[in-house]
Protein backbone atom coordinates (compact mmCIF):
# COMPACT_ATOMS: atom_id res chain seq x y z
CA UNK A 1 0.00 0.00 0.00
CA UNK A 2 1.20 3.48 -0.83
CA UNK A 3 1.32 6.33 1.68
CA UNK A 4 -1.11 8.34 -0.43
CA UNK A 5 -3.66 5.51 -0.14
CA UNK A 6 -3.32 5.69 3.62
CA UNK A 7 -3.64 9.48 3.66
CA UNK A 8 -6.69 9.38 1.38
CA UNK A 9 -8.36 6.82 3.65
CA UNK A 10 -7.17 8.04 7.06
CA UNK A 11 -10.64 7.59 8.59
CA UNK A 12 -11.30 4.16 7.08
CA UNK A 13 -10.57 1.62 9.81
CA UNK A 14 -10.51 -1.36 7.45
CA UNK A 15 -7.94 0.23 5.14
CA UNK A 16 -5.85 1.60 8.02
CA UNK A 17 -5.81 -1.82 9.70
CA UNK A 18 -4.55 -3.37 6.47
CA UNK A 19 -1.96 -0.60 6.09
CA UNK A 20 -0.52 -0.85 9.63
CA UNK A 21 -0.30 -4.65 9.36
CA UNK A 22 1.95 -4.01 6.36
CA UNK A 23 3.87 -1.10 7.90
CA UNK A 24 3.21 -0.08 11.51
CA UNK A 25 4.48 3.44 10.95
CA UNK A 26 1.61 4.11 8.55
CA UNK A 27 -0.23 4.85 11.79
CA UNK A 28 1.24 8.34 11.45
CA UNK A 29 -1.14 9.04 8.56
CA UNK A 30 -4.26 7.65 10.22
CA UNK A 31 -6.88 9.96 11.69
CA UNK A 32 -6.56 10.87 15.36
CA UNK A 33 -9.61 8.66 16.02
CA UNK A 34 -7.81 5.65 14.60
CA UNK A 35 -4.57 6.56 16.41
CA UNK A 36 -6.73 6.20 19.52
CA UNK A 37 -8.30 2.89 18.41
CA UNK A 38 -6.81 0.01 20.41
CA UNK A 39 -7.27 -2.58 17.69
CA UNK A 40 -5.51 -0.42 15.09
CA UNK A 41 -2.74 0.57 17.50
CA UNK A 42 -2.07 -3.02 18.60
CA UNK A 43 -1.75 -4.15 14.99
CA UNK A 44 0.61 -1.27 14.22
CA UNK A 45 2.79 -2.05 17.26
CA UNK A 46 2.89 -5.76 16.47
CA UNK A 47 4.33 -4.83 13.09
CA UNK A 48 6.66 -2.09 14.38
CA UNK A 49 7.06 -1.02 18.02
CA UNK A 50 8.37 2.34 16.85
CA UNK A 51 4.82 3.22 15.73
CA UNK A 52 4.20 4.14 19.38
CA UNK A 53 5.25 7.66 18.45
CA UNK A 54 1.95 8.08 16.57
CA UNK A 55 -0.35 6.60 19.22
CA UNK A 56 -2.81 8.84 21.07
CA UNK A 57 -1.79 10.19 24.47
CA UNK A 58 -4.63 8.24 26.05
CA UNK A 59 -3.24 4.93 24.81
CA UNK A 60 0.32 5.95 25.75
CA UNK A 61 -1.05 5.74 29.29
CA UNK A 62 -1.95 2.04 28.97
CA UNK A 63 0.66 -0.36 30.27
CA UNK A 64 -0.21 -3.14 27.78
CA UNK A 65 0.32 -0.77 24.84
CA UNK A 66 3.70 0.41 26.12
CA UNK A 67 4.81 -3.15 26.92
CA UNK A 68 3.95 -4.27 23.39
CA UNK A 69 6.03 -1.45 21.97
CA UNK A 70 9.11 -1.80 24.20
CA UNK A 71 9.36 -5.55 23.64
CA UNK A 72 10.54 -4.89 20.08
CA UNK A 73 11.72 -1.28 20.48
CA UNK A 74 12.82 -0.69 24.08
CA UNK A 75 13.80 2.92 23.42
CA UNK A 76 10.14 3.82 22.83
CA UNK A 77 9.67 4.00 26.61
CA UNK A 78 10.31 7.71 26.01
CA UNK A 79 6.75 7.99 24.63
CA UNK A 80 5.10 6.48 27.72
CA UNK A 81 2.97 8.66 29.96
CA UNK A 82 4.67 10.12 33.04
CA UNK A 83 2.70 7.72 35.22
CA UNK A 84 4.07 4.74 33.29
CA UNK A 85 7.62 6.08 33.44
CA UNK A 86 7.24 5.31 37.16
CA UNK A 87 6.19 1.70 36.45
CA UNK A 88 9.08 -0.49 37.59
CA UNK A 89 8.09 -3.43 35.40
CA UNK A 90 8.07 -1.32 32.22
CA UNK A 91 11.30 0.51 33.03
CA UNK A 92 13.09 -2.73 33.96
CA UNK A 93 11.95 -4.40 30.75
CA UNK A 94 13.21 -1.46 28.74
CA UNK A 95 16.51 -1.11 30.67
CA UNK A 96 17.47 -4.74 30.04
CA UNK A 97 17.89 -4.03 26.34
CA UNK A 98 18.26 -0.26 26.41
CA UNK A 99 20.12 1.10 29.42
CA UNK A 100 19.31 4.64 28.32
CA UNK A 101 15.73 4.02 29.48
CA UNK A 102 16.96 5.07 32.93
CA UNK A 103 17.00 8.63 31.59
CA UNK A 104 13.19 8.48 31.19
CA UNK A 105 12.54 6.76 34.51
CA UNK A 106 10.85 8.58 37.36
CA UNK A 107 12.96 10.06 40.15
CA UNK A 108 11.89 7.19 42.43
CA UNK A 109 13.07 4.56 39.95
CA UNK A 110 16.40 6.33 39.51
CA UNK A 111 16.85 5.54 43.19
CA UNK A 112 15.81 1.89 42.80
CA UNK A 113 18.91 -0.30 42.99
CA UNK A 114 17.51 -3.09 40.80
CA UNK A 115 16.50 -0.68 38.04
CA UNK A 116 19.82 1.17 38.11
CA UNK A 117 21.82 -2.06 38.16
CA UNK A 118 19.89 -3.38 35.17
CA UNK A 119 20.47 -0.14 33.25
CA UNK A 120 24.20 0.09 33.94
CA UNK A 121 24.80 -3.57 33.16
CA UNK A 122 23.53 -2.69 29.71
CA UNK A 123 25.15 0.76 29.46
CA UNK A 124 27.51 1.73 32.27
CA UNK A 125 27.52 5.44 31.64
CA UNK A 126 23.84 5.59 32.58
CA UNK A 127 24.98 5.73 36.21
CA UNK A 128 24.95 9.47 35.56
CA UNK A 129 21.12 9.31 35.79
CA UNK A 130 21.09 7.31 39.01
CA UNK A 131 20.36 9.02 42.30
CA UNK A 132 23.38 10.42 44.12
CA UNK A 133 22.87 7.71 46.73
CA UNK A 134 23.30 5.00 44.08
CA UNK A 135 26.20 6.82 42.43
CA UNK A 136 27.88 6.22 45.81
CA UNK A 137 27.14 2.46 45.77
CA UNK A 138 30.49 0.71 45.29
CA UNK A 139 29.13 -2.41 43.61
CA UNK A 140 27.13 -0.34 41.12
CA UNK A 141 30.11 1.94 40.48
CA UNK A 142 32.30 -1.09 39.74
CA UNK A 143 29.73 -2.53 37.33
CA UNK A 144 29.36 0.81 35.57
CA UNK A 145 33.09 1.50 35.26
CA UNK A 146 33.84 -2.04 34.07
CA UNK A 147 31.14 -1.66 31.43
CA UNK A 148 32.29 1.81 30.35
CA UNK A 149 35.29 3.65 31.80
CA UNK A 150 33.56 6.99 31.08
CA UNK A 151 31.13 6.11 33.87
CA UNK A 152 33.96 7.00 36.29
CA UNK A 153 33.06 10.67 35.77
CA UNK A 154 29.58 10.08 37.22
CA UNK A 155 30.30 8.05 40.35
CA UNK A 156 30.60 9.75 43.73
CA UNK A 157 33.76 11.68 44.55
CA UNK A 158 34.45 9.30 47.42
CA UNK A 159 34.43 6.27 45.12
CA UNK A 160 36.77 7.91 42.63
CA UNK A 161 39.48 7.41 45.28
CA UNK A 162 38.54 3.81 46.07
CA UNK A 163 41.42 1.40 45.34
CA UNK A 164 39.22 -1.17 43.60
CA UNK A 165 37.77 1.47 41.30
CA UNK A 166 41.24 2.88 40.60
CA UNK A 167 42.40 -0.62 39.66
CA UNK A 168 39.53 -1.01 37.19
CA UNK A 169 40.53 2.31 35.63
CA UNK A 170 44.22 1.41 35.23
C-alpha atoms as a PDB file:
ATOM      1  CA  UNK A   1       0.000   0.000   0.000  1.00  0.00           C
ATOM      2  CA  UNK A   2       1.195   3.483  -0.834  1.00  0.00           C
ATOM      3  CA  UNK A   3       1.321   6.333   1.683  1.00  0.00           C
ATOM      4  CA  UNK A   4      -1.112   8.340  -0.433  1.00  0.00           C
ATOM      5  CA  UNK A   5      -3.662   5.512  -0.144  1.00  0.00           C
ATOM      6  CA  UNK A   6      -3.320   5.693   3.617  1.00  0.00           C
ATOM      7  CA  UNK A   7      -3.642   9.479   3.663  1.00  0.00           C
ATOM      8  CA  UNK A   8      -6.693   9.383   1.377  1.00  0.00           C
ATOM      9  CA  UNK A   9      -8.359   6.821   3.652  1.00  0.00           C
ATOM     10  CA  UNK A  10      -7.167   8.041   7.055  1.00  0.00           C
ATOM     11  CA  UNK A  11     -10.644   7.592   8.592  1.00  0.00           C
ATOM     12  CA  UNK A  12     -11.302   4.157   7.081  1.00  0.00           C
ATOM     13  CA  UNK A  13     -10.566   1.618   9.810  1.00  0.00           C
ATOM     14  CA  UNK A  14     -10.507  -1.361   7.454  1.00  0.00           C
ATOM     15  CA  UNK A  15      -7.944   0.233   5.138  1.00  0.00           C
ATOM     16  CA  UNK A  16      -5.849   1.602   8.016  1.00  0.00           C
ATOM     17  CA  UNK A  17      -5.810  -1.821   9.698  1.00  0.00           C
ATOM     18  CA  UNK A  18      -4.547  -3.368   6.474  1.00  0.00           C
ATOM     19  CA  UNK A  19      -1.960  -0.601   6.087  1.00  0.00           C
ATOM     20  CA  UNK A  20      -0.517  -0.853   9.632  1.00  0.00           C
ATOM     21  CA  UNK A  21      -0.298  -4.647   9.361  1.00  0.00           C
ATOM     22  CA  UNK A  22       1.946  -4.010   6.364  1.00  0.00           C
ATOM     23  CA  UNK A  23       3.874  -1.095   7.902  1.00  0.00           C
ATOM     24  CA  UNK A  24       3.213  -0.083  11.509  1.00  0.00           C
ATOM     25  CA  UNK A  25       4.476   3.440  10.947  1.00  0.00           C
ATOM     26  CA  UNK A  26       1.612   4.109   8.548  1.00  0.00           C
ATOM     27  CA  UNK A  27      -0.228   4.852  11.787  1.00  0.00           C
ATOM     28  CA  UNK A  28       1.244   8.341  11.446  1.00  0.00           C
ATOM     29  CA  UNK A  29      -1.138   9.045   8.559  1.00  0.00           C
ATOM     30  CA  UNK A  30      -4.255   7.649  10.224  1.00  0.00           C
ATOM     31  CA  UNK A  31      -6.877   9.962  11.693  1.00  0.00           C
ATOM     32  CA  UNK A  32      -6.559  10.873  15.364  1.00  0.00           C
ATOM     33  CA  UNK A  33      -9.609   8.664  16.022  1.00  0.00           C
ATOM     34  CA  UNK A  34      -7.806   5.648  14.598  1.00  0.00           C
ATOM     35  CA  UNK A  35      -4.573   6.556  16.412  1.00  0.00           C
ATOM     36  CA  UNK A  36      -6.734   6.198  19.524  1.00  0.00           C
ATOM     37  CA  UNK A  37      -8.299   2.892  18.411  1.00  0.00           C
ATOM     38  CA  UNK A  38      -6.809   0.015  20.413  1.00  0.00           C
ATOM     39  CA  UNK A  39      -7.265  -2.579  17.693  1.00  0.00           C
ATOM     40  CA  UNK A  40      -5.511  -0.417  15.091  1.00  0.00           C
ATOM     41  CA  UNK A  41      -2.741   0.565  17.498  1.00  0.00           C
ATOM     42  CA  UNK A  42      -2.069  -3.016  18.601  1.00  0.00           C
ATOM     43  CA  UNK A  43      -1.751  -4.152  14.985  1.00  0.00           C
ATOM     44  CA  UNK A  44       0.615  -1.270  14.223  1.00  0.00           C
ATOM     45  CA  UNK A  45       2.789  -2.048  17.262  1.00  0.00           C
ATOM     46  CA  UNK A  46       2.885  -5.761  16.472  1.00  0.00           C
ATOM     47  CA  UNK A  47       4.330  -4.827  13.092  1.00  0.00           C
ATOM     48  CA  UNK A  48       6.661  -2.086  14.377  1.00  0.00           C
ATOM     49  CA  UNK A  49       7.064  -1.015  18.017  1.00  0.00           C
ATOM     50  CA  UNK A  50       8.367   2.341  16.847  1.00  0.00           C
ATOM     51  CA  UNK A  51       4.823   3.219  15.725  1.00  0.00           C
ATOM     52  CA  UNK A  52       4.197   4.142  19.376  1.00  0.00           C
ATOM     53  CA  UNK A  53       5.253   7.657  18.449  1.00  0.00           C
ATOM     54  CA  UNK A  54       1.945   8.078  16.575  1.00  0.00           C
ATOM     55  CA  UNK A  55      -0.346   6.596  19.221  1.00  0.00           C
ATOM     56  CA  UNK A  56      -2.811   8.838  21.073  1.00  0.00           C
ATOM     57  CA  UNK A  57      -1.791  10.188  24.471  1.00  0.00           C
ATOM     58  CA  UNK A  58      -4.630   8.236  26.050  1.00  0.00           C
ATOM     59  CA  UNK A  59      -3.238   4.934  24.814  1.00  0.00           C
ATOM     60  CA  UNK A  60       0.321   5.947  25.754  1.00  0.00           C
ATOM     61  CA  UNK A  61      -1.052   5.742  29.292  1.00  0.00           C
ATOM     62  CA  UNK A  62      -1.949   2.039  28.973  1.00  0.00           C
ATOM     63  CA  UNK A  63       0.658  -0.364  30.267  1.00  0.00           C
ATOM     64  CA  UNK A  64      -0.212  -3.141  27.775  1.00  0.00           C
ATOM     65  CA  UNK A  65       0.318  -0.769  24.844  1.00  0.00           C
ATOM     66  CA  UNK A  66       3.698   0.415  26.116  1.00  0.00           C
ATOM     67  CA  UNK A  67       4.813  -3.145  26.917  1.00  0.00           C
ATOM     68  CA  UNK A  68       3.949  -4.274  23.394  1.00  0.00           C
ATOM     69  CA  UNK A  69       6.034  -1.451  21.968  1.00  0.00           C
ATOM     70  CA  UNK A  70       9.109  -1.799  24.199  1.00  0.00           C
ATOM     71  CA  UNK A  71       9.360  -5.549  23.636  1.00  0.00           C
ATOM     72  CA  UNK A  72      10.542  -4.890  20.083  1.00  0.00           C
ATOM     73  CA  UNK A  73      11.721  -1.278  20.478  1.00  0.00           C
ATOM     74  CA  UNK A  74      12.823  -0.693  24.081  1.00  0.00           C
ATOM     75  CA  UNK A  75      13.800   2.918  23.424  1.00  0.00           C
ATOM     76  CA  UNK A  76      10.139   3.821  22.829  1.00  0.00           C
ATOM     77  CA  UNK A  77       9.673   4.005  26.614  1.00  0.00           C
ATOM     78  CA  UNK A  78      10.307   7.709  26.007  1.00  0.00           C
ATOM     79  CA  UNK A  79       6.746   7.985  24.630  1.00  0.00           C
ATOM     80  CA  UNK A  80       5.105   6.482  27.722  1.00  0.00           C
ATOM     81  CA  UNK A  81       2.974   8.661  29.961  1.00  0.00           C
ATOM     82  CA  UNK A  82       4.673  10.125  33.040  1.00  0.00           C
ATOM     83  CA  UNK A  83       2.701   7.716  35.220  1.00  0.00           C
ATOM     84  CA  UNK A  84       4.071   4.740  33.288  1.00  0.00           C
ATOM     85  CA  UNK A  85       7.621   6.081  33.443  1.00  0.00           C
ATOM     86  CA  UNK A  86       7.237   5.314  37.155  1.00  0.00           C
ATOM     87  CA  UNK A  87       6.192   1.702  36.447  1.00  0.00           C
ATOM     88  CA  UNK A  88       9.077  -0.489  37.588  1.00  0.00           C
ATOM     89  CA  UNK A  89       8.086  -3.426  35.402  1.00  0.00           C
ATOM     90  CA  UNK A  90       8.070  -1.317  32.223  1.00  0.00           C
ATOM     91  CA  UNK A  91      11.298   0.508  33.031  1.00  0.00           C
ATOM     92  CA  UNK A  92      13.089  -2.732  33.955  1.00  0.00           C
ATOM     93  CA  UNK A  93      11.948  -4.400  30.748  1.00  0.00           C
ATOM     94  CA  UNK A  94      13.211  -1.462  28.737  1.00  0.00           C
ATOM     95  CA  UNK A  95      16.506  -1.112  30.665  1.00  0.00           C
ATOM     96  CA  UNK A  96      17.471  -4.741  30.037  1.00  0.00           C
ATOM     97  CA  UNK A  97      17.895  -4.031  26.336  1.00  0.00           C
ATOM     98  CA  UNK A  98      18.259  -0.264  26.408  1.00  0.00           C
ATOM     99  CA  UNK A  99      20.120   1.104  29.423  1.00  0.00           C
ATOM    100  CA  UNK A 100      19.306   4.636  28.321  1.00  0.00           C
ATOM    101  CA  UNK A 101      15.729   4.021  29.481  1.00  0.00           C
ATOM    102  CA  UNK A 102      16.960   5.073  32.932  1.00  0.00           C
ATOM    103  CA  UNK A 103      16.998   8.627  31.590  1.00  0.00           C
ATOM    104  CA  UNK A 104      13.193   8.478  31.195  1.00  0.00           C
ATOM    105  CA  UNK A 105      12.539   6.758  34.515  1.00  0.00           C
ATOM    106  CA  UNK A 106      10.853   8.580  37.365  1.00  0.00           C
ATOM    107  CA  UNK A 107      12.962  10.065  40.151  1.00  0.00           C
ATOM    108  CA  UNK A 108      11.894   7.187  42.431  1.00  0.00           C
ATOM    109  CA  UNK A 109      13.067   4.556  39.952  1.00  0.00           C
ATOM    110  CA  UNK A 110      16.403   6.325  39.506  1.00  0.00           C
ATOM    111  CA  UNK A 111      16.849   5.540  43.195  1.00  0.00           C
ATOM    112  CA  UNK A 112      15.812   1.891  42.805  1.00  0.00           C
ATOM    113  CA  UNK A 113      18.906  -0.303  42.993  1.00  0.00           C
ATOM    114  CA  UNK A 114      17.512  -3.091  40.801  1.00  0.00           C
ATOM    115  CA  UNK A 115      16.499  -0.678  38.045  1.00  0.00           C
ATOM    116  CA  UNK A 116      19.819   1.175  38.113  1.00  0.00           C
ATOM    117  CA  UNK A 117      21.822  -2.057  38.165  1.00  0.00           C
ATOM    118  CA  UNK A 118      19.893  -3.376  35.168  1.00  0.00           C
ATOM    119  CA  UNK A 119      20.466  -0.138  33.251  1.00  0.00           C
ATOM    120  CA  UNK A 120      24.202   0.090  33.944  1.00  0.00           C
ATOM    121  CA  UNK A 121      24.798  -3.570  33.165  1.00  0.00           C
ATOM    122  CA  UNK A 122      23.529  -2.685  29.707  1.00  0.00           C
ATOM    123  CA  UNK A 123      25.150   0.757  29.456  1.00  0.00           C
ATOM    124  CA  UNK A 124      27.507   1.726  32.270  1.00  0.00           C
ATOM    125  CA  UNK A 125      27.516   5.440  31.639  1.00  0.00           C
ATOM    126  CA  UNK A 126      23.843   5.589  32.581  1.00  0.00           C
ATOM    127  CA  UNK A 127      24.978   5.730  36.209  1.00  0.00           C
ATOM    128  CA  UNK A 128      24.946   9.466  35.555  1.00  0.00           C
ATOM    129  CA  UNK A 129      21.117   9.309  35.789  1.00  0.00           C
ATOM    130  CA  UNK A 130      21.094   7.307  39.005  1.00  0.00           C
ATOM    131  CA  UNK A 131      20.356   9.020  42.296  1.00  0.00           C
ATOM    132  CA  UNK A 132      23.383  10.422  44.115  1.00  0.00           C
ATOM    133  CA  UNK A 133      22.868   7.714  46.727  1.00  0.00           C
ATOM    134  CA  UNK A 134      23.295   5.001  44.084  1.00  0.00           C
ATOM    135  CA  UNK A 135      26.200   6.815  42.435  1.00  0.00           C
ATOM    136  CA  UNK A 136      27.876   6.223  45.809  1.00  0.00           C
ATOM    137  CA  UNK A 137      27.143   2.460  45.773  1.00  0.00           C
ATOM    138  CA  UNK A 138      30.492   0.708  45.294  1.00  0.00           C
ATOM    139  CA  UNK A 139      29.132  -2.407  43.605  1.00  0.00           C
ATOM    140  CA  UNK A 140      27.131  -0.343  41.116  1.00  0.00           C
ATOM    141  CA  UNK A 141      30.110   1.940  40.483  1.00  0.00           C
ATOM    142  CA  UNK A 142      32.303  -1.088  39.738  1.00  0.00           C
ATOM    143  CA  UNK A 143      29.732  -2.533  37.328  1.00  0.00           C
ATOM    144  CA  UNK A 144      29.361   0.811  35.566  1.00  0.00           C
ATOM    145  CA  UNK A 145      33.087   1.502  35.258  1.00  0.00           C
ATOM    146  CA  UNK A 146      33.839  -2.042  34.071  1.00  0.00           C
ATOM    147  CA  UNK A 147      31.137  -1.662  31.425  1.00  0.00           C
ATOM    148  CA  UNK A 148      32.287   1.805  30.350  1.00  0.00           C
ATOM    149  CA  UNK A 149      35.289   3.646  31.799  1.00  0.00           C
ATOM    150  CA  UNK A 150      33.565   6.986  31.080  1.00  0.00           C
ATOM    151  CA  UNK A 151      31.126   6.109  33.872  1.00  0.00           C
ATOM    152  CA  UNK A 152      33.955   7.003  36.286  1.00  0.00           C
ATOM    153  CA  UNK A 153      33.056  10.673  35.767  1.00  0.00           C
ATOM    154  CA  UNK A 154      29.577  10.080  37.217  1.00  0.00           C
ATOM    155  CA  UNK A 155      30.301   8.055  40.351  1.00  0.00           C
ATOM    156  CA  UNK A 156      30.604   9.751  43.729  1.00  0.00           C
ATOM    157  CA  UNK A 157      33.759  11.684  44.553  1.00  0.00           C
ATOM    158  CA  UNK A 158      34.454   9.301  47.418  1.00  0.00           C
ATOM    159  CA  UNK A 159      34.433   6.266  45.124  1.00  0.00           C
ATOM    160  CA  UNK A 160      36.773   7.910  42.632  1.00  0.00           C
ATOM    161  CA  UNK A 161      39.478   7.411  45.281  1.00  0.00           C
ATOM    162  CA  UNK A 162      38.540   3.808  46.073  1.00  0.00           C
ATOM    163  CA  UNK A 163      41.418   1.401  45.345  1.00  0.00           C
ATOM    164  CA  UNK A 164      39.223  -1.167  43.598  1.00  0.00           C
ATOM    165  CA  UNK A 165      37.770   1.474  41.299  1.00  0.00           C
ATOM    166  CA  UNK A 166      41.238   2.885  40.601  1.00  0.00           C
ATOM    167  CA  UNK A 167      42.398  -0.625  39.661  1.00  0.00           C
ATOM    168  CA  UNK A 168      39.534  -1.007  37.186  1.00  0.00           C
ATOM    169  CA  UNK A 169      40.534   2.306  35.633  1.00  0.00           C
ATOM    170  CA  UNK A 170      44.220   1.414  35.227  1.00  0.00           C
END
